[in-house]
């Protein structure tokens, strides 16, 4: 296995580890529809979710949501941007494509 392939395995392993928690997976799945394919998302376009929205929608305490968002961000699965007291969150569309490509490649080998 090449160094690049090994680095990719480490990166995907970190992503799957982050998604192995049911609350984090639920938050990640809730954020996926925020960005449509072919669009560039940021907190400025209104297509993202805020911590309060996620807490209310998923019935998880805001402090718990914040903790899980931090883990998802550190794993490179989501992006976050603070504007005043609001923290906007969204899934980078490239992440979805990379995860799909990982499984697609595995199926073809």
N, C-alpha and C. Protein backbone atom coordinates (compact mmCIF):
# COMPACT_ATOMS: atom_id res chain seq x y z
N UNK A 1 0.85 -1.18 0.00
CA UNK A 1 0.00 0.00 0.00
C UNK A 1 0.89 1.24 0.00
N UNK A 2 0.58 2.18 -0.87
CA UNK A 2 1.37 3.40 -0.96
C UNK A 2 1.11 4.31 0.24
N UNK A 3 2.00 5.27 0.44
CA UNK A 3 1.82 6.22 1.54
C UNK A 3 0.51 6.99 1.37
N UNK A 4 0.19 7.36 0.14
CA UNK A 4 -1.07 8.09 -0.12
C UNK A 4 -2.28 7.24 0.25
N UNK A 5 -2.26 5.97 -0.15
CA UNK A 5 -3.37 5.07 0.19
C UNK A 5 -3.46 4.87 1.69
N UNK A 6 -2.31 4.78 2.35
CA UNK A 6 -2.28 4.61 3.80
C UNK A 6 -2.84 5.86 4.50
N UNK A 7 -2.47 7.05 4.00
CA UNK A 7 -3.00 8.30 4.55
C UNK A 7 -4.52 8.36 4.37
N UNK A 8 -5.00 7.93 3.20
CA UNK A 8 -6.44 7.91 2.95
C UNK A 8 -7.14 6.96 3.91
N UNK A 9 -6.56 5.80 4.15
CA UNK A 9 -7.16 4.84 5.09
C UNK A 9 -7.26 5.45 6.48
N UNK A 10 -6.21 6.14 6.91
CA UNK A 10 -6.24 6.81 8.22
C UNK A 10 -7.34 7.86 8.27
N UNK A 11 -7.46 8.63 7.20
CA UNK A 11 -8.48 9.68 7.15
C UNK A 11 -9.89 9.09 7.19
N UNK A 12 -10.11 8.05 6.38
CA UNK A 12 -11.43 7.42 6.38
C UNK A 12 -11.72 6.74 7.70
N UNK A 13 -10.70 6.15 8.30
CA UNK A 13 -10.88 5.52 9.61
C UNK A 13 -11.32 6.54 10.64
N UNK A 14 -10.71 7.73 10.62
CA UNK A 14 -11.11 8.80 11.55
C UNK A 14 -12.55 9.23 11.29
N UNK A 15 -12.94 9.32 10.03
CA UNK A 15 -14.31 9.71 9.68
C UNK A 15 -15.30 8.68 10.18
N UNK A 16 -15.01 7.40 9.95
CA UNK A 16 -15.93 6.35 10.37
C UNK A 16 -16.00 6.25 11.89
N UNK A 17 -14.87 6.50 12.54
CA UNK A 17 -14.87 6.51 14.01
C UNK A 17 -15.81 7.60 14.52
N UNK A 18 -15.72 8.79 13.92
CA UNK A 18 -16.60 9.90 14.33
C UNK A 18 -18.06 9.57 14.08
N UNK A 19 -18.33 8.89 12.97
CA UNK A 19 -19.72 8.56 12.63
C UNK A 19 -20.25 7.34 13.37
N UNK A 20 -19.39 6.66 14.13
CA UNK A 20 -19.84 5.46 14.84
C UNK A 20 -20.72 5.78 16.04
N UNK A 21 -20.71 7.03 16.48
CA UNK A 21 -21.59 7.44 17.57
C UNK A 21 -22.96 7.76 16.99
N UNK A 22 -24.03 7.17 17.54
CA UNK A 22 -25.37 7.40 16.98
C UNK A 22 -25.79 8.87 16.92
N UNK A 23 -25.44 9.66 17.94
CA UNK A 23 -25.80 11.08 17.90
C UNK A 23 -25.05 11.82 16.81
N UNK A 24 -23.77 11.52 16.65
CA UNK A 24 -22.99 12.18 15.60
C UNK A 24 -23.48 11.77 14.22
N UNK A 25 -23.82 10.50 14.07
CA UNK A 25 -24.36 10.04 12.78
C UNK A 25 -25.68 10.74 12.49
N UNK A 26 -26.51 10.88 13.49
CA UNK A 26 -27.80 11.56 13.33
C UNK A 26 -27.59 13.03 12.95
N UNK A 27 -26.66 13.70 13.59
CA UNK A 27 -26.36 15.10 13.27
C UNK A 27 -25.82 15.20 11.85
N UNK A 28 -24.88 14.33 11.49
CA UNK A 28 -24.30 14.34 10.15
C UNK A 28 -25.39 14.13 9.10
N UNK A 29 -26.27 13.16 9.32
CA UNK A 29 -27.34 12.88 8.36
C UNK A 29 -28.30 14.07 8.26
N UNK A 30 -28.52 14.77 9.37
CA UNK A 30 -29.39 15.95 9.37
C UNK A 30 -28.77 17.09 8.56
N UNK A 31 -27.42 17.16 8.57
CA UNK A 31 -26.74 18.24 7.87
C UNK A 31 -26.55 17.97 6.38
N UNK A 32 -26.58 16.72 5.95
CA UNK A 32 -26.33 16.40 4.54
C UNK A 32 -27.24 17.18 3.59
N UNK A 33 -28.55 17.24 3.81
CA UNK A 33 -29.41 17.96 2.85
C UNK A 33 -29.19 19.47 2.81
N UNK A 34 -28.42 20.00 3.73
CA UNK A 34 -28.20 21.45 3.75
C UNK A 34 -27.49 21.94 2.50
N UNK A 35 -26.67 21.12 1.90
CA UNK A 35 -25.93 21.51 0.70
C UNK A 35 -26.30 20.58 -0.45
N UNK A 36 -26.86 21.14 -1.46
CA UNK A 36 -27.24 20.37 -2.64
C UNK A 36 -26.03 20.12 -3.52
N UNK A 37 -26.00 19.00 -4.24
CA UNK A 37 -24.86 18.72 -5.14
C UNK A 37 -24.67 19.86 -6.13
N UNK A 38 -23.41 20.19 -6.37
CA UNK A 38 -23.09 21.24 -7.33
C UNK A 38 -23.16 22.65 -6.76
N UNK A 39 -23.45 22.76 -5.46
CA UNK A 39 -23.50 24.08 -4.85
C UNK A 39 -22.33 24.24 -3.90
N UNK A 40 -21.99 25.45 -3.61
CA UNK A 40 -20.96 25.76 -2.63
C UNK A 40 -21.68 26.33 -1.41
N UNK A 41 -21.54 25.67 -0.28
CA UNK A 41 -22.28 26.08 0.91
C UNK A 41 -21.39 26.84 1.88
N UNK A 42 -21.99 27.79 2.51
CA UNK A 42 -21.34 28.50 3.61
C UNK A 42 -22.45 29.04 4.49
N UNK A 43 -22.06 29.56 5.62
CA UNK A 43 -23.07 30.09 6.54
C UNK A 43 -23.78 31.31 5.96
N UNK A 44 -23.21 31.91 4.95
CA UNK A 44 -23.78 33.12 4.38
C UNK A 44 -24.96 32.85 3.45
N UNK A 45 -25.10 31.63 2.97
CA UNK A 45 -26.15 31.37 1.99
C UNK A 45 -27.45 30.86 2.61
N UNK A 46 -27.48 30.70 3.94
CA UNK A 46 -28.70 30.29 4.61
C UNK A 46 -29.06 28.83 4.42
N UNK A 47 -28.16 28.02 3.86
CA UNK A 47 -28.47 26.61 3.62
C UNK A 47 -27.82 25.71 4.66
N UNK A 48 -27.50 26.23 5.82
CA UNK A 48 -26.85 25.44 6.85
C UNK A 48 -27.74 25.41 8.09
N UNK A 49 -27.32 24.63 9.07
CA UNK A 49 -28.07 24.54 10.31
C UNK A 49 -27.22 25.10 11.44
N UNK A 50 -27.88 25.63 12.44
CA UNK A 50 -27.21 26.16 13.61
C UNK A 50 -27.35 25.18 14.77
N UNK A 51 -26.49 25.32 15.76
CA UNK A 51 -26.49 24.43 16.91
C UNK A 51 -27.89 24.37 17.55
N UNK A 52 -28.51 25.53 17.71
CA UNK A 52 -29.85 25.57 18.30
C UNK A 52 -30.88 24.81 17.48
N UNK A 53 -30.79 24.94 16.14
CA UNK A 53 -31.70 24.21 15.26
C UNK A 53 -31.53 22.70 15.44
N UNK A 54 -30.27 22.27 15.44
CA UNK A 54 -29.98 20.84 15.57
C UNK A 54 -30.45 20.32 16.92
N UNK A 55 -30.20 21.07 17.96
CA UNK A 55 -30.61 20.67 19.30
C UNK A 55 -32.13 20.50 19.37
N UNK A 56 -32.84 21.46 18.83
CA UNK A 56 -34.30 21.41 18.85
C UNK A 56 -34.83 20.28 17.96
N UNK A 57 -34.32 20.19 16.73
CA UNK A 57 -34.80 19.19 15.78
C UNK A 57 -34.53 17.75 16.23
N UNK A 58 -33.36 17.53 16.83
CA UNK A 58 -32.96 16.17 17.19
C UNK A 58 -33.22 15.85 18.66
N UNK A 59 -33.71 16.85 19.40
CA UNK A 59 -34.01 16.68 20.82
C UNK A 59 -32.80 16.19 21.61
N UNK A 60 -31.68 16.87 21.36
CA UNK A 60 -30.42 16.62 22.04
C UNK A 60 -29.99 17.95 22.66
N UNK A 61 -29.49 17.92 23.89
CA UNK A 61 -29.05 19.15 24.56
C UNK A 61 -28.03 19.89 23.72
N UNK A 62 -28.12 21.21 23.71
CA UNK A 62 -27.22 22.04 22.90
C UNK A 62 -25.75 21.77 23.24
N UNK A 63 -25.44 21.56 24.51
CA UNK A 63 -24.05 21.29 24.89
C UNK A 63 -23.57 19.96 24.30
N UNK A 64 -24.45 18.98 24.23
CA UNK A 64 -24.11 17.69 23.64
C UNK A 64 -23.94 17.83 22.14
N UNK A 65 -24.82 18.59 21.50
CA UNK A 65 -24.69 18.84 20.06
C UNK A 65 -23.37 19.53 19.78
N UNK A 66 -23.00 20.51 20.57
CA UNK A 66 -21.73 21.22 20.37
C UNK A 66 -20.54 20.27 20.47
N UNK A 67 -20.58 19.38 21.44
CA UNK A 67 -19.50 18.39 21.58
C UNK A 67 -19.40 17.50 20.34
N UNK A 68 -20.53 17.01 19.87
CA UNK A 68 -20.53 16.13 18.71
C UNK A 68 -20.12 16.87 17.43
N UNK A 69 -20.53 18.12 17.32
CA UNK A 69 -20.11 18.91 16.16
C UNK A 69 -18.60 19.10 16.14
N UNK A 70 -18.03 19.31 17.30
CA UNK A 70 -16.57 19.45 17.40
C UNK A 70 -15.89 18.17 16.89
N UNK A 71 -16.40 17.03 17.29
CA UNK A 71 -15.83 15.75 16.85
C UNK A 71 -15.97 15.58 15.33
N UNK A 72 -17.12 15.92 14.79
CA UNK A 72 -17.34 15.81 13.35
C UNK A 72 -16.43 16.76 12.58
N UNK A 73 -16.23 17.95 13.11
CA UNK A 73 -15.35 18.93 12.46
C UNK A 73 -13.91 18.45 12.50
N UNK A 74 -13.47 17.94 13.63
CA UNK A 74 -12.09 17.45 13.75
C UNK A 74 -11.83 16.27 12.81
N UNK A 75 -12.87 15.50 12.52
CA UNK A 75 -12.73 14.37 11.60
C UNK A 75 -12.82 14.83 10.14
N UNK A 76 -13.06 16.12 9.93
CA UNK A 76 -13.12 16.66 8.57
C UNK A 76 -14.43 16.41 7.86
N UNK A 77 -15.47 16.09 8.62
CA UNK A 77 -16.77 15.76 8.01
C UNK A 77 -17.69 16.96 7.83
N UNK A 78 -17.53 17.97 8.66
CA UNK A 78 -18.39 19.15 8.55
C UNK A 78 -17.54 20.41 8.62
N UNK A 79 -18.18 21.51 8.27
CA UNK A 79 -17.57 22.83 8.42
C UNK A 79 -18.44 23.63 9.38
N UNK A 80 -17.79 24.53 10.09
CA UNK A 80 -18.50 25.38 11.04
C UNK A 80 -17.99 26.80 10.90
N UNK A 81 -18.91 27.75 11.13
CA UNK A 81 -18.53 29.16 11.07
C UNK A 81 -19.35 29.92 12.11
N UNK A 82 -18.66 30.70 12.91
CA UNK A 82 -19.33 31.50 13.95
C UNK A 82 -19.59 32.90 13.42
N UNK A 83 -20.80 33.36 13.61
CA UNK A 83 -21.18 34.72 13.31
C UNK A 83 -21.91 35.25 14.54
N UNK A 84 -21.23 36.04 15.33
CA UNK A 84 -21.81 36.50 16.59
C UNK A 84 -22.02 35.33 17.53
N UNK A 85 -23.25 35.15 17.99
CA UNK A 85 -23.57 34.03 18.88
C UNK A 85 -23.99 32.78 18.12
N UNK A 86 -24.15 32.90 16.82
CA UNK A 86 -24.63 31.79 16.00
C UNK A 86 -23.46 31.00 15.43
N UNK A 87 -23.54 29.67 15.54
CA UNK A 87 -22.54 28.79 14.92
C UNK A 87 -23.27 28.01 13.84
N UNK A 88 -22.91 28.29 12.60
CA UNK A 88 -23.52 27.62 11.45
C UNK A 88 -22.70 26.37 11.11
N UNK A 89 -23.41 25.30 10.71
CA UNK A 89 -22.76 24.03 10.41
C UNK A 89 -23.30 23.49 9.10
N UNK A 90 -22.41 22.87 8.32
CA UNK A 90 -22.84 22.23 7.09
C UNK A 90 -21.83 21.16 6.70
N UNK A 91 -22.28 20.22 5.87
CA UNK A 91 -21.42 19.17 5.36
C UNK A 91 -20.82 19.66 4.05
N UNK A 92 -19.52 19.53 3.96
CA UNK A 92 -18.83 19.87 2.71
C UNK A 92 -19.21 18.80 1.69
N UNK A 93 -19.75 19.20 0.57
CA UNK A 93 -20.22 18.26 -0.46
C UNK A 93 -19.09 17.33 -0.91
N UNK A 94 -17.85 17.81 -0.91
CA UNK A 94 -16.71 16.97 -1.30
C UNK A 94 -16.57 15.77 -0.37
N UNK A 95 -16.93 15.93 0.89
CA UNK A 95 -16.84 14.83 1.85
C UNK A 95 -17.77 13.69 1.44
N UNK A 96 -18.99 14.04 1.04
CA UNK A 96 -19.95 13.02 0.61
C UNK A 96 -19.41 12.28 -0.61
N UNK A 97 -18.86 13.03 -1.55
CA UNK A 97 -18.32 12.41 -2.77
C UNK A 97 -17.12 11.52 -2.44
N UNK A 98 -16.27 11.93 -1.50
CA UNK A 98 -15.12 11.13 -1.11
C UNK A 98 -15.56 9.83 -0.44
N UNK A 99 -16.56 9.92 0.45
CA UNK A 99 -17.07 8.71 1.11
C UNK A 99 -17.70 7.76 0.09
N UNK A 100 -18.47 8.29 -0.84
CA UNK A 100 -19.07 7.47 -1.87
C UNK A 100 -18.00 6.83 -2.74
N UNK A 101 -16.96 7.60 -3.07
CA UNK A 101 -15.87 7.07 -3.88
C UNK A 101 -15.11 5.97 -3.16
N UNK A 102 -14.97 6.10 -1.86
CA UNK A 102 -14.29 5.07 -1.06
C UNK A 102 -15.01 3.73 -1.19
N UNK A 103 -16.33 3.75 -1.03
CA UNK A 103 -17.10 2.51 -1.14
C UNK A 103 -17.19 2.03 -2.58
N UNK A 104 -17.29 2.95 -3.51
CA UNK A 104 -17.35 2.58 -4.92
C UNK A 104 -16.06 1.85 -5.33
N UNK A 105 -14.93 2.38 -4.92
CA UNK A 105 -13.64 1.76 -5.23
C UNK A 105 -13.54 0.38 -4.59
N UNK A 106 -13.98 0.26 -3.35
CA UNK A 106 -13.92 -1.01 -2.64
C UNK A 106 -14.77 -2.07 -3.35
N UNK A 107 -15.90 -1.66 -3.91
CA UNK A 107 -16.79 -2.61 -4.61
C UNK A 107 -16.20 -3.07 -5.92
N UNK A 108 -15.33 -2.27 -6.52
CA UNK A 108 -14.76 -2.60 -7.82
C UNK A 108 -13.49 -3.43 -7.70
N UNK A 109 -12.92 -3.50 -6.52
CA UNK A 109 -11.66 -4.24 -6.35
C UNK A 109 -11.91 -5.72 -6.20
